[in-house]
Amino acid sequence: MPTDFRKVLPIGIFVGIGLIAGIGWRLIQPDPSAPTPGSKSLDLAEFEKGVQPELGPADVVAIQLESMRKGAVDPEQLKLCFAFASPSNRRLTGPFERFQRLVVEPPFAALIGHRHGLIGRPQIRGDEAMVLVSIDNADGQTRAYQFYLIRQNEPPFDGCWMTEAVTPLAVVPADAAVEPADSDQPALSL
């Protein structure tokens, strides 16, 4: 049975707003990982150059996952993840400094510095796509997330797939085995 993305999106937005409200008190605190005056910080516009119409939904998710994995060692990498957030997502979670504080809190903190990621086949309906992702975090737990992407139709990102929302789905205990389904197109492994 096909998924109606318009019915699922409000749930993801509701969860996202709830998460923001739940940790909002932390967002007003100073960020100890923020660059100090005089330190070298790359401009977000440099990362936005990588947002291209040739990239499909799985490509975008792979770039964002890799930037979050590297973000544990180099927080500047999170700018690449933010660069692939849709303009409406940025309005909700931005500016970048706020987004950076948001993703290092549960339930998204498991994405930062994760050990391994598995990206499912995108489910594409017109200009909307959903991508299921599972990651193994540093604690040995497997966590699942659903990425919801929209192909943009306005400059400067016209024709580009960008992430509209990410919804946490599940936590799988470290001792549970999850096997990929047989398919003619394997899921991407990071």
C-alpha atoms as a PDB file:
ATOM      1  CA  MET A   1       0.000   0.000   0.000  1.00  0.00           C
ATOM      2  CA  PRO A   2       1.613   3.320  -1.066  1.00  0.00           C
ATOM      3  CA  THR A   3       2.446   5.835   1.618  1.00  0.00           C
ATOM      4  CA  ASP A   4       0.682   9.183   1.437  1.00  0.00           C
ATOM      5  CA  PHE A   5       3.498  11.538   2.380  1.00  0.00           C
ATOM      6  CA  ARG A   6       1.079  14.369   3.112  1.00  0.00           C
ATOM      7  CA  LYS A   7      -0.362  12.311   5.975  1.00  0.00           C
ATOM      8  CA  VAL A   8       3.064  11.380   7.379  1.00  0.00           C
ATOM      9  CA  LEU A   9       4.672  14.845   7.118  1.00  0.00           C
ATOM     10  CA  PRO A  10       2.490  16.476   9.817  1.00  0.00           C
ATOM     11  CA  ILE A  11       3.543  13.745  12.236  1.00  0.00           C
ATOM     12  CA  GLY A  12       7.223  14.410  11.488  1.00  0.00           C
ATOM     13  CA  ILE A  13       6.732  18.147  11.866  1.00  0.00           C
ATOM     14  CA  PHE A  14       4.786  17.634  15.109  1.00  0.00           C
ATOM     15  CA  VAL A  15       7.573  15.423  16.487  1.00  0.00           C
ATOM     16  CA  GLY A  16      10.182  17.950  15.354  1.00  0.00           C
ATOM     17  CA  ILE A  17       8.361  20.861  16.992  1.00  0.00           C
ATOM     18  CA  GLY A  18       7.919  18.833  20.174  1.00  0.00           C
ATOM     19  CA  LEU A  19      11.621  18.017  20.244  1.00  0.00           C
ATOM     20  CA  ILE A  20      12.533  21.645  19.715  1.00  0.00           C
ATOM     21  CA  ALA A  21      10.168  22.741  22.494  1.00  0.00           C
ATOM     22  CA  GLY A  22      11.445  19.990  24.789  1.00  0.00           C
ATOM     23  CA  ILE A  23      15.047  21.069  24.525  1.00  0.00           C
ATOM     24  CA  GLY A  24      14.410  24.736  23.862  1.00  0.00           C
ATOM     25  CA  TRP A  25      15.861  25.725  27.207  1.00  0.00           C
ATOM     26  CA  ARG A  26      19.234  24.337  26.092  1.00  0.00           C
ATOM     27  CA  LEU A  27      19.135  26.305  22.853  1.00  0.00           C
ATOM     28  CA  ILE A  28      19.498  29.612  24.659  1.00  0.00           C
ATOM     29  CA  GLN A  29      22.636  28.527  26.496  1.00  0.00           C
ATOM     30  CA  PRO A  30      26.049  29.411  25.044  1.00  0.00           C
ATOM     31  CA  ASP A  31      27.482  26.708  22.795  1.00  0.00           C
ATOM     32  CA  PRO A  32      30.891  25.571  24.133  1.00  0.00           C
ATOM     33  CA  SER A  33      31.767  24.006  20.753  1.00  0.00           C
ATOM     34  CA  ALA A  34      31.161  27.247  18.826  1.00  0.00           C
ATOM     35  CA  PRO A  35      34.219  28.696  17.125  1.00  0.00           C
ATOM     36  CA  THR A  36      36.053  31.253  19.199  1.00  0.00           C
ATOM     37  CA  PRO A  37      36.718  34.697  17.763  1.00  0.00           C
ATOM     38  CA  GLY A  38      39.632  34.524  15.361  1.00  0.00           C
ATOM     39  CA  SER A  39      39.262  30.784  14.656  1.00  0.00           C
ATOM     40  CA  LYS A  40      38.826  29.600  11.060  1.00  0.00           C
ATOM     41  CA  SER A  41      35.205  28.830  10.266  1.00  0.00           C
ATOM     42  CA  LEU A  42      33.913  27.943   6.815  1.00  0.00           C
ATOM     43  CA  ASP A  43      30.985  29.932   5.489  1.00  0.00           C
ATOM     44  CA  LEU A  44      27.742  27.999   4.978  1.00  0.00           C
ATOM     45  CA  ALA A  45      27.693  29.231   1.352  1.00  0.00           C
ATOM     46  CA  GLU A  46      30.790  27.118   0.675  1.00  0.00           C
ATOM     47  CA  PHE A  47      28.890  23.991   1.728  1.00  0.00           C
ATOM     48  CA  GLU A  48      25.792  25.001  -0.250  1.00  0.00           C
ATOM     49  CA  LYS A  49      27.829  24.715  -3.463  1.00  0.00           C
ATOM     50  CA  GLY A  50      27.483  20.941  -3.070  1.00  0.00           C
ATOM     51  CA  VAL A  51      23.669  21.117  -3.270  1.00  0.00           C
ATOM     52  CA  GLN A  52      23.106  20.071  -6.889  1.00  0.00           C
ATOM     53  CA  PRO A  53      20.076  18.819  -8.878  1.00  0.00           C
ATOM     54  CA  GLU A  54      22.072  15.752  -9.997  1.00  0.00           C
ATOM     55  CA  LEU A  55      21.976  14.344  -6.458  1.00  0.00           C
ATOM     56  CA  GLY A  56      19.128  11.966  -5.692  1.00  0.00           C
ATOM     57  CA  PRO A  57      17.432  11.520  -2.310  1.00  0.00           C
ATOM     58  CA  ALA A  58      19.765   8.677  -1.230  1.00  0.00           C
ATOM     59  CA  ASP A  59      22.797  10.784  -2.221  1.00  0.00           C
ATOM     60  CA  VAL A  60      21.580  13.701  -0.094  1.00  0.00           C
ATOM     61  CA  VAL A  61      20.927  11.460   2.903  1.00  0.00           C
ATOM     62  CA  ALA A  62      24.357   9.815   2.490  1.00  0.00           C
ATOM     63  CA  ILE A  63      26.050  13.236   2.478  1.00  0.00           C
ATOM     64  CA  GLN A  64      24.124  14.322   5.564  1.00  0.00           C
ATOM     65  CA  LEU A  65      24.855  11.074   7.441  1.00  0.00           C
ATOM     66  CA  GLU A  66      28.558  11.279   6.650  1.00  0.00           C
ATOM     67  CA  SER A  67      28.700  14.908   7.800  1.00  0.00           C
ATOM     68  CA  MET A  68      27.022  13.939  11.078  1.00  0.00           C
ATOM     69  CA  ARG A  69      29.405  11.003  11.541  1.00  0.00           C
ATOM     70  CA  LYS A  70      32.381  13.338  11.051  1.00  0.00           C
ATOM     71  CA  GLY A  71      30.709  16.033  13.172  1.00  0.00           C
ATOM     72  CA  ALA A  72      31.842  14.308  16.371  1.00  0.00           C
ATOM     73  CA  VAL A  73      35.460  15.169  15.555  1.00  0.00           C
ATOM     74  CA  ASP A  74      34.925  18.287  13.436  1.00  0.00           C
ATOM     75  CA  PRO A  75      31.735  20.219  14.308  1.00  0.00           C
ATOM     76  CA  GLU A  76      32.217  22.330  11.148  1.00  0.00           C
ATOM     77  CA  GLN A  77      31.099  19.237   9.181  1.00  0.00           C
ATOM     78  CA  LEU A  78      27.579  19.800  10.489  1.00  0.00           C
ATOM     79  CA  LYS A  79      27.378  22.815   8.162  1.00  0.00           C
ATOM     80  CA  LEU A  80      27.293  20.364   5.260  1.00  0.00           C
ATOM     81  CA  CYS A  81      24.305  18.629   6.846  1.00  0.00           C
ATOM     82  CA  PHE A  82      22.580  21.999   7.372  1.00  0.00           C
ATOM     83  CA  ALA A  83      23.347  23.011   3.763  1.00  0.00           C
ATOM     84  CA  PHE A  84      21.143  20.124   2.573  1.00  0.00           C
ATOM     85  CA  ALA A  85      18.234  21.097   4.838  1.00  0.00           C
ATOM     86  CA  SER A  86      15.354  22.600   2.876  1.00  0.00           C
ATOM     87  CA  PRO A  87      14.690  26.331   3.263  1.00  0.00           C
ATOM     88  CA  SER A  88      11.541  25.615   5.324  1.00  0.00           C
ATOM     89  CA  ASN A  89      13.499  23.184   7.538  1.00  0.00           C
ATOM     90  CA  ARG A  90      16.140  25.878   8.072  1.00  0.00           C
ATOM     91  CA  ARG A  91      13.492  28.382   9.122  1.00  0.00           C
ATOM     92  CA  LEU A  92      12.331  25.908  11.780  1.00  0.00           C
ATOM     93  CA  THR A  93      15.733  24.690  13.025  1.00  0.00           C
ATOM     94  CA  GLY A  94      18.123  27.530  12.125  1.00  0.00           C
ATOM     95  CA  PRO A  95      20.242  29.512  12.175  1.00  0.00           C
ATOM     96  CA  PHE A  96      23.141  27.066  11.965  1.00  0.00           C
ATOM     97  CA  GLU A  97      24.263  27.596  15.570  1.00  0.00           C
ATOM     98  CA  ARG A  98      20.804  26.617  16.805  1.00  0.00           C
ATOM     99  CA  PHE A  99      20.690  23.617  14.439  1.00  0.00           C
ATOM    100  CA  GLN A 100      24.103  22.516  15.748  1.00  0.00           C
ATOM    101  CA  ARG A 101      22.858  22.554  19.331  1.00  0.00           C
ATOM    102  CA  LEU A 102      19.673  20.699  18.315  1.00  0.00           C
ATOM    103  CA  VAL A 103      21.401  17.758  16.599  1.00  0.00           C
ATOM    104  CA  VAL A 104      23.695  17.010  19.529  1.00  0.00           C
ATOM    105  CA  GLU A 105      20.669  16.378  21.790  1.00  0.00           C
ATOM    106  CA  PRO A 106      18.529  13.215  21.909  1.00  0.00           C
ATOM    107  CA  PRO A 107      17.092  11.749  19.799  1.00  0.00           C
ATOM    108  CA  PHE A 108      19.444  13.054  17.102  1.00  0.00           C
ATOM    109  CA  ALA A 109      22.670  12.856  19.130  1.00  0.00           C
ATOM    110  CA  ALA A 110      23.092   9.191  18.122  1.00  0.00           C
ATOM    111  CA  LEU A 111      23.724  10.366  14.552  1.00  0.00           C
ATOM    112  CA  ILE A 112      26.762  12.377  15.607  1.00  0.00           C
ATOM    113  CA  GLY A 113      29.834  10.142  15.417  1.00  0.00           C
ATOM    114  CA  HIS A 114      27.831   7.012  14.569  1.00  0.00           C
ATOM    115  CA  ARG A 115      29.905   3.947  13.625  1.00  0.00           C
ATOM    116  CA  HIS A 116      27.934   2.650  10.663  1.00  0.00           C
ATOM    117  CA  GLY A 117      24.885   3.631   8.647  1.00  0.00           C
ATOM    118  CA  LEU A 118      22.522   1.816   6.316  1.00  0.00           C
ATOM    119  CA  ILE A 119      20.399   3.789   3.843  1.00  0.00           C
ATOM    120  CA  GLY A 120      17.275   2.196   2.419  1.00  0.00           C
ATOM    121  CA  ARG A 121      15.947   2.633  -1.109  1.00  0.00           C
ATOM    122  CA  PRO A 122      14.147   5.953  -1.467  1.00  0.00           C
ATOM    123  CA  GLN A 123      10.380   5.815  -1.838  1.00  0.00           C
ATOM    124  CA  ILE A 124       9.756   8.587  -4.378  1.00  0.00           C
ATOM    125  CA  ARG A 125       6.362  10.046  -5.252  1.00  0.00           C
ATOM    126  CA  GLY A 126       6.690  13.015  -7.579  1.00  0.00           C
ATOM    127  CA  ASP A 127       8.723  15.690  -5.801  1.00  0.00           C
ATOM    128  CA  GLU A 128       8.586  13.956  -2.396  1.00  0.00           C
ATOM    129  CA  ALA A 129      10.757  11.141  -1.093  1.00  0.00           C
ATOM    130  CA  MET A 130      11.107   9.142   2.094  1.00  0.00           C
ATOM    131  CA  VAL A 131      14.315   7.338   3.018  1.00  0.00           C
ATOM    132  CA  LEU A 132      14.633   4.916   5.911  1.00  0.00           C
ATOM    133  CA  VAL A 133      18.008   4.990   7.674  1.00  0.00           C
ATOM    134  CA  SER A 134      19.491   2.862  10.437  1.00  0.00           C
ATOM    135  CA  ILE A 135      22.704   3.664  12.256  1.00  0.00           C
ATOM    136  CA  ASP A 136      24.846   1.916  14.821  1.00  0.00           C
ATOM    137  CA  ASN A 137      25.864   4.461  17.408  1.00  0.00           C
ATOM    138  CA  ALA A 138      28.946   4.498  19.621  1.00  0.00           C
ATOM    139  CA  ASP A 139      27.001   2.691  22.384  1.00  0.00           C
ATOM    140  CA  GLY A 140      26.294  -0.293  20.123  1.00  0.00           C
ATOM    141  CA  GLN A 141      22.608   0.507  19.701  1.00  0.00           C
ATOM    142  CA  THR A 142      20.893   0.567  16.330  1.00  0.00           C
ATOM    143  CA  ARG A 143      18.598   3.505  15.756  1.00  0.00           C
ATOM    144  CA  ALA A 144      16.201   4.085  12.891  1.00  0.00           C
ATOM    145  CA  TYR A 145      15.254   7.410  11.347  1.00  0.00           C
ATOM    146  CA  GLN A 146      13.028   8.428   8.475  1.00  0.00           C
ATOM    147  CA  PHE A 147      14.259  11.236   6.251  1.00  0.00           C
ATOM    148  CA  TYR A 148      11.583  13.142   4.346  1.00  0.00           C
ATOM    149  CA  LEU A 149      12.909  15.054   1.311  1.00  0.00           C
ATOM    150  CA  ILE A 150      11.338  17.459  -1.156  1.00  0.00           C
ATOM    151  CA  ARG A 151      12.665  18.424  -4.581  1.00  0.00           C
ATOM    152  CA  GLN A 152      12.829  22.206  -4.431  1.00  0.00           C
ATOM    153  CA  ASN A 153      11.113  24.356  -7.066  1.00  0.00           C
ATOM    154  CA  GLU A 154      12.528  27.799  -6.343  1.00  0.00           C
ATOM    155  CA  PRO A 155      15.980  29.349  -6.760  1.00  0.00           C
ATOM    156  CA  PRO A 156      18.654  28.994  -5.608  1.00  0.00           C
ATOM    157  CA  PHE A 157      17.909  25.275  -5.087  1.00  0.00           C
ATOM    158  CA  ASP A 158      15.499  24.658  -7.978  1.00  0.00           C
ATOM    159  CA  GLY A 159      15.468  20.933  -8.843  1.00  0.00           C
ATOM    160  CA  CYS A 160      17.549  19.929  -5.788  1.00  0.00           C
ATOM    161  CA  TRP A 161      16.490  17.280  -3.273  1.00  0.00           C
ATOM    162  CA  MET A 162      16.698  18.666   0.262  1.00  0.00           C
ATOM    163  CA  THR A 163      15.704  17.267   3.642  1.00  0.00           C
ATOM    164  CA  GLU A 164      12.434  18.618   4.987  1.00  0.00           C
ATOM    165  CA  ALA A 165      12.291  16.592   8.210  1.00  0.00           C
ATOM    166  CA  VAL A 166      13.942  13.712  10.057  1.00  0.00           C
ATOM    167  CA  THR A 167      11.834  11.576  12.353  1.00  0.00           C
ATOM    168  CA  PRO A 168      13.332   9.165  14.892  1.00  0.00           C
ATOM    169  CA  LEU A 169      11.596   5.793  14.613  1.00  0.00           C
ATOM    170  CA  ALA A 170      13.124   3.185  16.899  1.00  0.00           C
ATOM    171  CA  VAL A 171      15.984   2.053  19.096  1.00  0.00           C
ATOM    172  CA  VAL A 172      17.107  -1.542  18.667  1.00  0.00           C
ATOM    173  CA  PRO A 173      19.083  -3.090  21.553  1.00  0.00           C
ATOM    174  CA  ALA A 174      22.702  -3.960  20.804  1.00  0.00           C
ATOM    175  CA  ASP A 175      22.031  -7.719  21.034  1.00  0.00           C
ATOM    176  CA  ALA A 176      19.188  -7.723  18.456  1.00  0.00           C
ATOM    177  CA  ALA A 177      20.113  -8.738  14.895  1.00  0.00           C
ATOM    178  CA  VAL A 178      18.664  -6.825  11.967  1.00  0.00           C
ATOM    179  CA  GLU A 179      19.171  -8.368   8.550  1.00  0.00           C
ATOM    180  CA  PRO A 180      18.593  -6.461   5.296  1.00  0.00           C
ATOM    181  CA  ALA A 181      15.778  -7.766   3.106  1.00  0.00           C
ATOM    182  CA  ASP A 182      16.694  -9.602  -0.090  1.00  0.00           C
ATOM    183  CA  SER A 183      16.392  -7.319  -3.065  1.00  0.00           C
ATOM    184  CA  ASP A 184      17.733  -6.775  -6.544  1.00  0.00           C
ATOM    185  CA  GLN A 185      18.978  -3.355  -5.368  1.00  0.00           C
ATOM    186  CA  PRO A 186      20.841  -3.485  -2.079  1.00  0.00           C
ATOM    187  CA  ALA A 187      20.574  -0.692   0.422  1.00  0.00           C
ATOM    188  CA  LEU A 188      23.542   1.645   0.680  1.00  0.00           C
ATOM    189  CA  SER A 189      25.961   0.918   3.471  1.00  0.00           C
ATOM    190  CA  LEU A 190      28.179   3.671   4.871  1.00  0.00           C
END
